[in-house]
N, C-alpha and C. Protein backbone atom coordinates (compact mmCIF):
# COMPACT_ATOMS: atom_id res chain seq x y z
N MET A 1 -31.26 -125.18 19.57
CA MET A 1 -30.28 -126.43 19.78
C MET A 1 -30.07 -127.26 18.64
N ALA A 2 -29.21 -127.58 18.25
CA ALA A 2 -28.98 -128.43 16.93
C ALA A 2 -29.33 -129.85 17.59
N PRO A 3 -30.18 -130.52 16.31
CA PRO A 3 -30.45 -131.98 17.06
C PRO A 3 -29.06 -132.84 17.05
N GLU A 4 -29.29 -133.55 17.90
CA GLU A 4 -27.94 -134.59 18.42
C GLU A 4 -27.77 -135.65 17.23
N ALA A 5 -26.23 -136.08 17.01
CA ALA A 5 -26.09 -136.97 16.24
C ALA A 5 -26.44 -138.27 16.73
N GLU A 6 -27.04 -139.45 15.71
CA GLU A 6 -27.63 -140.67 15.98
C GLU A 6 -26.79 -141.55 15.60
N TYR A 7 -26.13 -142.53 16.38
CA TYR A 7 -25.04 -143.51 16.05
C TYR A 7 -25.90 -144.76 15.95
N LYS A 8 -25.78 -145.49 14.83
CA LYS A 8 -26.54 -146.92 14.85
C LYS A 8 -25.86 -148.16 15.27
N ILE A 9 -26.73 -148.71 16.48
CA ILE A 9 -26.05 -149.44 17.10
C ILE A 9 -26.61 -151.01 16.23
N PRO A 10 -25.55 -151.82 16.38
CA PRO A 10 -25.94 -153.05 15.58
C PRO A 10 -27.36 -153.62 16.02
N LYS A 11 -27.96 -154.20 14.97
CA LYS A 11 -29.43 -154.70 15.09
C LYS A 11 -29.56 -155.62 16.30
N ARG A 12 -28.62 -156.22 16.57
CA ARG A 12 -28.61 -157.33 17.97
C ARG A 12 -29.02 -156.48 19.09
N PHE A 13 -28.78 -155.14 19.15
CA PHE A 13 -29.19 -154.22 20.27
C PHE A 13 -30.54 -153.75 20.09
N GLY A 14 -31.14 -153.41 18.82
CA GLY A 14 -32.40 -153.05 18.60
C GLY A 14 -32.47 -151.83 18.73
N VAL A 15 -31.70 -150.90 19.12
CA VAL A 15 -32.23 -149.35 19.25
C VAL A 15 -31.24 -148.69 18.48
N LEU A 16 -31.68 -147.22 18.62
CA LEU A 16 -30.99 -146.09 18.18
C LEU A 16 -30.68 -145.36 19.60
N CYS A 17 -29.60 -144.80 19.46
CA CYS A 17 -29.24 -144.04 20.65
C CYS A 17 -28.33 -142.72 20.34
N SER A 18 -28.53 -141.48 20.94
CA SER A 18 -27.49 -140.53 20.85
C SER A 18 -26.36 -140.60 21.52
N GLY A 19 -25.12 -140.28 20.67
CA GLY A 19 -23.95 -140.23 21.60
C GLY A 19 -23.85 -139.49 22.90
N ALA A 20 -24.46 -138.76 23.27
CA ALA A 20 -24.77 -138.08 24.53
C ALA A 20 -25.53 -139.20 25.60
N ALA A 21 -26.48 -139.79 25.20
CA ALA A 21 -27.22 -140.79 25.88
C ALA A 21 -26.43 -141.84 26.26
N ILE A 22 -25.02 -142.09 25.07
CA ILE A 22 -24.26 -143.41 25.67
C ILE A 22 -23.26 -142.87 26.82
N SER A 23 -22.86 -141.75 26.32
CA SER A 23 -21.59 -141.12 27.14
C SER A 23 -22.34 -140.44 28.62
N GLY A 24 -23.46 -140.11 28.76
CA GLY A 24 -23.99 -139.65 30.02
C GLY A 24 -23.04 -138.49 30.33
N THR A 25 -22.54 -137.39 29.31
CA THR A 25 -22.08 -136.33 29.46
C THR A 25 -23.01 -135.31 28.84
N ARG A 26 -24.20 -135.53 28.73
CA ARG A 26 -24.99 -134.57 27.99
C ARG A 26 -25.06 -133.09 28.86
N GLY A 27 -24.80 -132.30 28.36
CA GLY A 27 -24.70 -130.70 28.92
C GLY A 27 -23.53 -130.44 29.67
N MET A 28 -22.49 -131.31 29.96
CA MET A 28 -21.29 -131.19 30.36
C MET A 28 -20.05 -130.89 29.49
N SER A 29 -19.50 -130.01 30.16
CA SER A 29 -18.03 -129.70 29.15
C SER A 29 -16.93 -129.58 30.22
N MET A 30 -15.74 -130.07 29.70
CA MET A 30 -14.55 -130.29 30.50
C MET A 30 -14.37 -129.49 31.59
N GLY A 31 -15.09 -128.20 31.60
CA GLY A 31 -14.72 -127.27 32.89
C GLY A 31 -15.62 -127.67 33.77
N ASP A 32 -16.77 -128.46 33.36
CA ASP A 32 -17.96 -128.85 34.65
C ASP A 32 -17.19 -129.88 35.31
N LEU A 33 -16.16 -130.80 35.20
CA LEU A 33 -15.86 -131.74 35.74
C LEU A 33 -15.08 -131.51 36.97
N PRO A 34 -15.07 -132.29 38.06
CA PRO A 34 -14.60 -132.18 39.01
C PRO A 34 -13.10 -132.05 39.13
N LYS A 35 -12.37 -131.17 39.45
CA LYS A 35 -10.99 -131.47 39.49
C LYS A 35 -10.14 -132.53 40.16
N LYS A 36 -10.75 -132.98 41.22
CA LYS A 36 -10.72 -134.27 41.87
C LYS A 36 -11.77 -135.09 42.23
N TRP A 37 -11.85 -136.28 41.68
CA TRP A 37 -13.13 -137.26 42.14
C TRP A 37 -12.38 -137.79 43.37
N LYS A 38 -13.49 -138.05 44.26
CA LYS A 38 -13.05 -138.98 45.56
C LYS A 38 -13.29 -140.26 44.73
N PRO A 39 -12.43 -141.37 45.47
CA PRO A 39 -12.46 -142.71 44.63
C PRO A 39 -13.66 -143.60 44.83
N GLU A 40 -14.60 -143.24 45.81
CA GLU A 40 -16.10 -144.10 45.59
C GLU A 40 -17.13 -143.21 44.42
N GLN A 41 -16.79 -142.05 44.32
CA GLN A 41 -17.31 -141.33 43.40
C GLN A 41 -16.89 -141.72 41.96
N PHE A 42 -15.45 -141.73 41.71
CA PHE A 42 -14.87 -142.07 40.32
C PHE A 42 -15.35 -143.41 40.16
N LYS A 43 -15.38 -144.40 40.85
CA LYS A 43 -15.81 -145.80 40.97
C LYS A 43 -17.33 -145.91 40.42
N HIS A 44 -17.97 -145.03 40.92
CA HIS A 44 -19.58 -145.16 40.48
C HIS A 44 -19.83 -144.62 39.31
N GLU A 45 -19.14 -143.51 38.92
CA GLU A 45 -19.27 -142.93 37.46
C GLU A 45 -18.70 -144.01 36.42
N ILE A 46 -17.62 -144.55 36.77
CA ILE A 46 -17.14 -145.82 35.56
C ILE A 46 -18.12 -146.80 35.90
N LYS A 47 -18.51 -147.13 36.65
CA LYS A 47 -19.58 -148.27 36.64
C LYS A 47 -20.85 -147.92 35.90
N GLN A 48 -21.21 -146.43 36.24
CA GLN A 48 -22.48 -145.78 35.25
C GLN A 48 -22.35 -145.91 33.99
N ILE A 49 -20.82 -145.65 33.59
CA ILE A 49 -20.31 -145.71 31.88
C ILE A 49 -20.80 -147.13 31.43
N VAL A 50 -20.11 -148.20 32.21
CA VAL A 50 -20.25 -149.74 31.99
C VAL A 50 -21.46 -150.12 31.78
N SER A 51 -22.11 -149.77 32.46
CA SER A 51 -23.49 -150.12 32.84
C SER A 51 -24.56 -149.74 31.68
N ARG A 52 -24.17 -148.41 31.23
CA ARG A 52 -24.89 -147.97 29.97
C ARG A 52 -24.70 -148.53 28.75
N ILE A 53 -23.30 -148.87 28.53
CA ILE A 53 -22.68 -149.06 27.37
C ILE A 53 -22.90 -150.81 27.21
N SER A 54 -22.70 -151.30 28.44
CA SER A 54 -22.96 -152.88 28.26
C SER A 54 -24.50 -153.23 28.41
N ARG A 55 -25.53 -152.33 29.14
CA ARG A 55 -26.86 -152.85 29.23
C ARG A 55 -26.91 -153.87 30.28
N ILE A 56 -26.10 -153.49 31.14
CA ILE A 56 -25.98 -154.56 32.29
C ILE A 56 -26.07 -153.53 33.71
N ASP A 57 -27.24 -153.94 34.71
CA ASP A 57 -27.70 -153.21 35.59
C ASP A 57 -26.22 -152.84 36.56
N GLU A 58 -26.12 -151.63 36.94
CA GLU A 58 -25.05 -151.31 37.75
C GLU A 58 -24.67 -152.13 39.05
N PRO A 59 -25.97 -152.59 39.69
CA PRO A 59 -25.70 -153.39 40.71
C PRO A 59 -25.24 -154.93 40.30
N ASP A 60 -25.28 -155.42 39.26
CA ASP A 60 -24.76 -156.18 38.68
C ASP A 60 -23.24 -156.55 38.40
N LEU A 61 -22.88 -155.27 38.59
CA LEU A 61 -21.35 -155.05 37.77
C LEU A 61 -20.55 -155.35 39.25
N GLN A 62 -20.32 -156.48 39.62
CA GLN A 62 -19.46 -156.56 40.92
C GLN A 62 -18.04 -156.90 40.62
N ASP A 63 -17.20 -156.21 41.58
CA ASP A 63 -15.97 -156.09 41.22
C ASP A 63 -14.80 -157.41 40.71
N HIS A 64 -15.45 -158.46 41.29
CA HIS A 64 -14.69 -159.90 40.94
C HIS A 64 -15.09 -160.22 39.57
N LEU A 65 -16.11 -159.78 39.07
CA LEU A 65 -16.62 -160.43 37.71
C LEU A 65 -15.80 -160.21 36.54
N LEU A 66 -15.50 -161.11 35.61
CA LEU A 66 -14.64 -161.23 34.43
C LEU A 66 -15.51 -160.51 33.36
N ILE A 67 -14.55 -159.60 32.84
CA ILE A 67 -15.37 -158.60 32.06
C ILE A 67 -15.85 -159.32 30.38
N ARG A 68 -15.01 -160.26 30.12
CA ARG A 68 -15.45 -160.97 28.81
C ARG A 68 -16.16 -162.07 29.11
N GLU A 69 -15.48 -162.93 29.84
CA GLU A 69 -16.31 -164.32 30.12
C GLU A 69 -17.77 -164.11 30.83
N GLU A 70 -17.81 -163.47 31.63
CA GLU A 70 -19.06 -163.68 32.79
C GLU A 70 -20.05 -162.31 32.28
N LEU A 71 -19.40 -161.28 31.68
CA LEU A 71 -20.29 -159.78 31.56
C LEU A 71 -20.50 -160.00 30.07
N GLY A 72 -19.66 -160.31 29.13
CA GLY A 72 -19.92 -160.22 27.77
C GLY A 72 -19.45 -159.25 27.20
N ILE A 73 -18.72 -158.22 27.83
CA ILE A 73 -18.34 -157.58 27.05
C ILE A 73 -17.08 -157.54 26.27
N ASP A 74 -17.40 -157.27 24.86
CA ASP A 74 -16.33 -157.62 23.68
C ASP A 74 -15.47 -156.49 23.61
N SER A 75 -14.44 -156.56 22.69
CA SER A 75 -13.45 -155.32 22.42
C SER A 75 -14.30 -154.28 21.81
N ILE A 76 -14.91 -154.35 21.19
CA ILE A 76 -16.10 -153.13 20.38
C ILE A 76 -16.64 -152.30 21.58
N MET A 77 -17.19 -153.28 22.78
CA MET A 77 -17.94 -152.47 23.80
C MET A 77 -16.76 -151.93 24.63
N GLY A 78 -15.51 -152.40 24.66
CA GLY A 78 -14.50 -152.05 25.32
C GLY A 78 -13.69 -150.77 25.00
N MET A 79 -13.59 -150.65 23.59
CA MET A 79 -13.21 -149.43 23.04
C MET A 79 -14.20 -148.23 23.29
N GLU A 80 -15.65 -148.70 23.11
CA GLU A 80 -16.71 -147.41 23.61
C GLU A 80 -16.42 -147.09 24.96
N ILE A 81 -16.52 -147.92 25.86
CA ILE A 81 -16.16 -147.72 27.10
C ILE A 81 -14.83 -146.83 27.37
N ILE A 82 -13.93 -147.07 27.04
CA ILE A 82 -12.60 -146.47 27.11
C ILE A 82 -12.76 -144.95 26.70
N ALA A 83 -13.26 -144.92 25.26
CA ALA A 83 -13.71 -143.42 24.66
C ALA A 83 -14.46 -142.50 25.74
N THR A 84 -15.79 -143.07 26.10
CA THR A 84 -16.31 -142.58 26.84
C THR A 84 -15.76 -142.01 28.15
N CYS A 85 -15.27 -143.04 28.81
CA CYS A 85 -14.34 -142.59 29.95
C CYS A 85 -13.38 -141.53 30.00
N GLU A 86 -12.74 -141.48 28.51
CA GLU A 86 -11.94 -140.71 28.17
C GLU A 86 -12.68 -139.24 28.40
N LYS A 87 -13.82 -139.03 27.72
CA LYS A 87 -14.45 -138.03 27.30
C LYS A 87 -14.89 -137.61 28.72
N HIS A 88 -15.55 -138.34 29.39
CA HIS A 88 -16.27 -137.88 30.65
C HIS A 88 -15.21 -137.38 31.95
N LEU A 89 -14.10 -138.18 31.96
CA LEU A 89 -13.00 -137.94 33.06
C LEU A 89 -11.91 -137.01 32.49
N GLY A 90 -12.06 -136.59 31.26
CA GLY A 90 -10.63 -135.96 30.72
C GLY A 90 -9.49 -136.83 30.41
N LEU A 91 -9.26 -138.01 30.41
CA LEU A 91 -8.53 -138.68 30.35
C LEU A 91 -7.93 -138.77 28.82
N ARG A 92 -6.58 -139.53 28.82
CA ARG A 92 -5.93 -139.80 27.40
C ARG A 92 -5.55 -141.18 27.62
N MET A 93 -6.44 -142.08 27.19
CA MET A 93 -5.76 -143.38 27.30
C MET A 93 -5.62 -144.40 25.95
N ASP A 94 -4.74 -145.31 26.07
CA ASP A 94 -4.87 -146.10 25.03
C ASP A 94 -5.66 -147.29 24.93
N ALA A 95 -6.94 -147.40 23.96
CA ALA A 95 -7.89 -148.33 24.31
C ALA A 95 -7.10 -149.74 24.07
N ALA A 96 -6.07 -150.01 23.75
CA ALA A 96 -5.49 -151.48 23.68
C ALA A 96 -5.08 -151.63 25.11
N LEU A 97 -5.04 -150.81 26.37
CA LEU A 97 -5.07 -151.36 27.58
C LEU A 97 -6.45 -152.17 27.86
N PHE A 98 -7.54 -152.15 27.40
CA PHE A 98 -8.58 -152.77 28.18
C PHE A 98 -8.72 -154.21 27.78
N ALA A 99 -7.51 -154.63 26.97
CA ALA A 99 -6.99 -155.86 26.45
C ALA A 99 -6.47 -156.66 27.59
N ASP A 100 -5.80 -156.09 28.29
CA ASP A 100 -4.86 -156.38 29.54
C ASP A 100 -5.67 -156.70 31.05
N VAL A 101 -6.85 -155.95 30.94
CA VAL A 101 -7.85 -155.90 32.08
C VAL A 101 -8.53 -157.39 32.11
N GLN A 102 -8.83 -158.01 33.39
CA GLN A 102 -9.69 -159.15 33.34
C GLN A 102 -10.84 -159.33 33.92
N THR A 103 -10.92 -157.88 35.28
CA THR A 103 -12.42 -158.06 36.09
C THR A 103 -12.47 -156.22 35.95
N ILE A 104 -13.82 -156.41 36.71
CA ILE A 104 -14.54 -154.83 36.83
C ILE A 104 -13.02 -154.19 37.56
N ASN A 105 -12.67 -155.02 38.71
CA ASN A 105 -11.83 -154.53 39.82
C ASN A 105 -10.89 -154.02 38.89
N ASP A 106 -10.12 -154.91 38.07
CA ASP A 106 -8.82 -154.56 36.97
C ASP A 106 -9.20 -153.21 36.52
N PHE A 107 -10.23 -152.97 35.67
CA PHE A 107 -10.58 -152.07 34.99
C PHE A 107 -10.58 -150.37 35.69
N LEU A 108 -11.21 -150.63 36.90
CA LEU A 108 -11.45 -149.38 37.89
C LEU A 108 -9.98 -149.02 38.45
N ASN A 109 -9.07 -150.11 38.56
CA ASN A 109 -7.89 -149.69 39.35
C ASN A 109 -7.18 -149.02 37.84
N LEU A 110 -7.14 -149.66 36.77
CA LEU A 110 -6.57 -148.85 35.59
C LEU A 110 -6.90 -147.59 35.42
N LEU A 111 -8.11 -147.11 35.40
CA LEU A 111 -8.47 -146.07 35.10
C LEU A 111 -8.06 -145.03 36.49
N MET A 112 -8.31 -145.66 37.37
CA MET A 112 -7.92 -144.57 38.35
C MET A 112 -6.57 -144.35 38.65
N LYS A 113 -5.72 -145.32 38.28
CA LYS A 113 -3.97 -145.11 37.93
C LYS A 113 -4.03 -143.71 37.35
N HIS A 114 -4.49 -144.20 35.64
CA HIS A 114 -4.49 -143.20 34.90
C HIS A 114 -4.77 -141.59 35.30
N TYR A 115 -6.40 -141.57 36.06
CA TYR A 115 -6.67 -140.42 36.57
C TYR A 115 -5.90 -139.69 37.61
N GLU A 116 -5.30 -140.35 38.22
CA GLU A 116 -4.39 -139.81 39.47
C GLU A 116 -2.90 -139.40 38.78
N GLN A 117 -2.39 -139.87 37.64
CA GLN A 117 -1.31 -139.57 37.05
C GLN A 117 -1.73 -138.17 36.36
N GLU A 118 -2.62 -138.06 35.80
CA GLU A 118 -2.95 -136.63 34.82
C GLU A 118 -3.67 -135.69 35.67
N LYS A 119 -4.25 -136.04 36.90
CA LYS A 119 -4.86 -134.94 37.64
C LYS A 119 -3.68 -134.27 38.71
């Protein structure tokens, strides 16, 4: 098996991690993804991705919290979250849409809307 590529994370995070570790899709191919996710399963998957990238425990990602002000998720993390969601869920989205969401619930609804349109 080929070694995984490593991506340097800014020093403030203090670690190196692989793309597979960030994306949570290690060992998965697009053919392995469910054809249709149940809404609660879908939300759980998204929150896991957000949790891994933002380093915020999943139970702390309450739907009403403001993404930038209360959770500290900046535009760079937002782009990484969008890219990982695209890969994991098989979606195509414009990362600029992340700028329009205010809360975790807004983000979940945006992704669910795109997912339902594409599937």
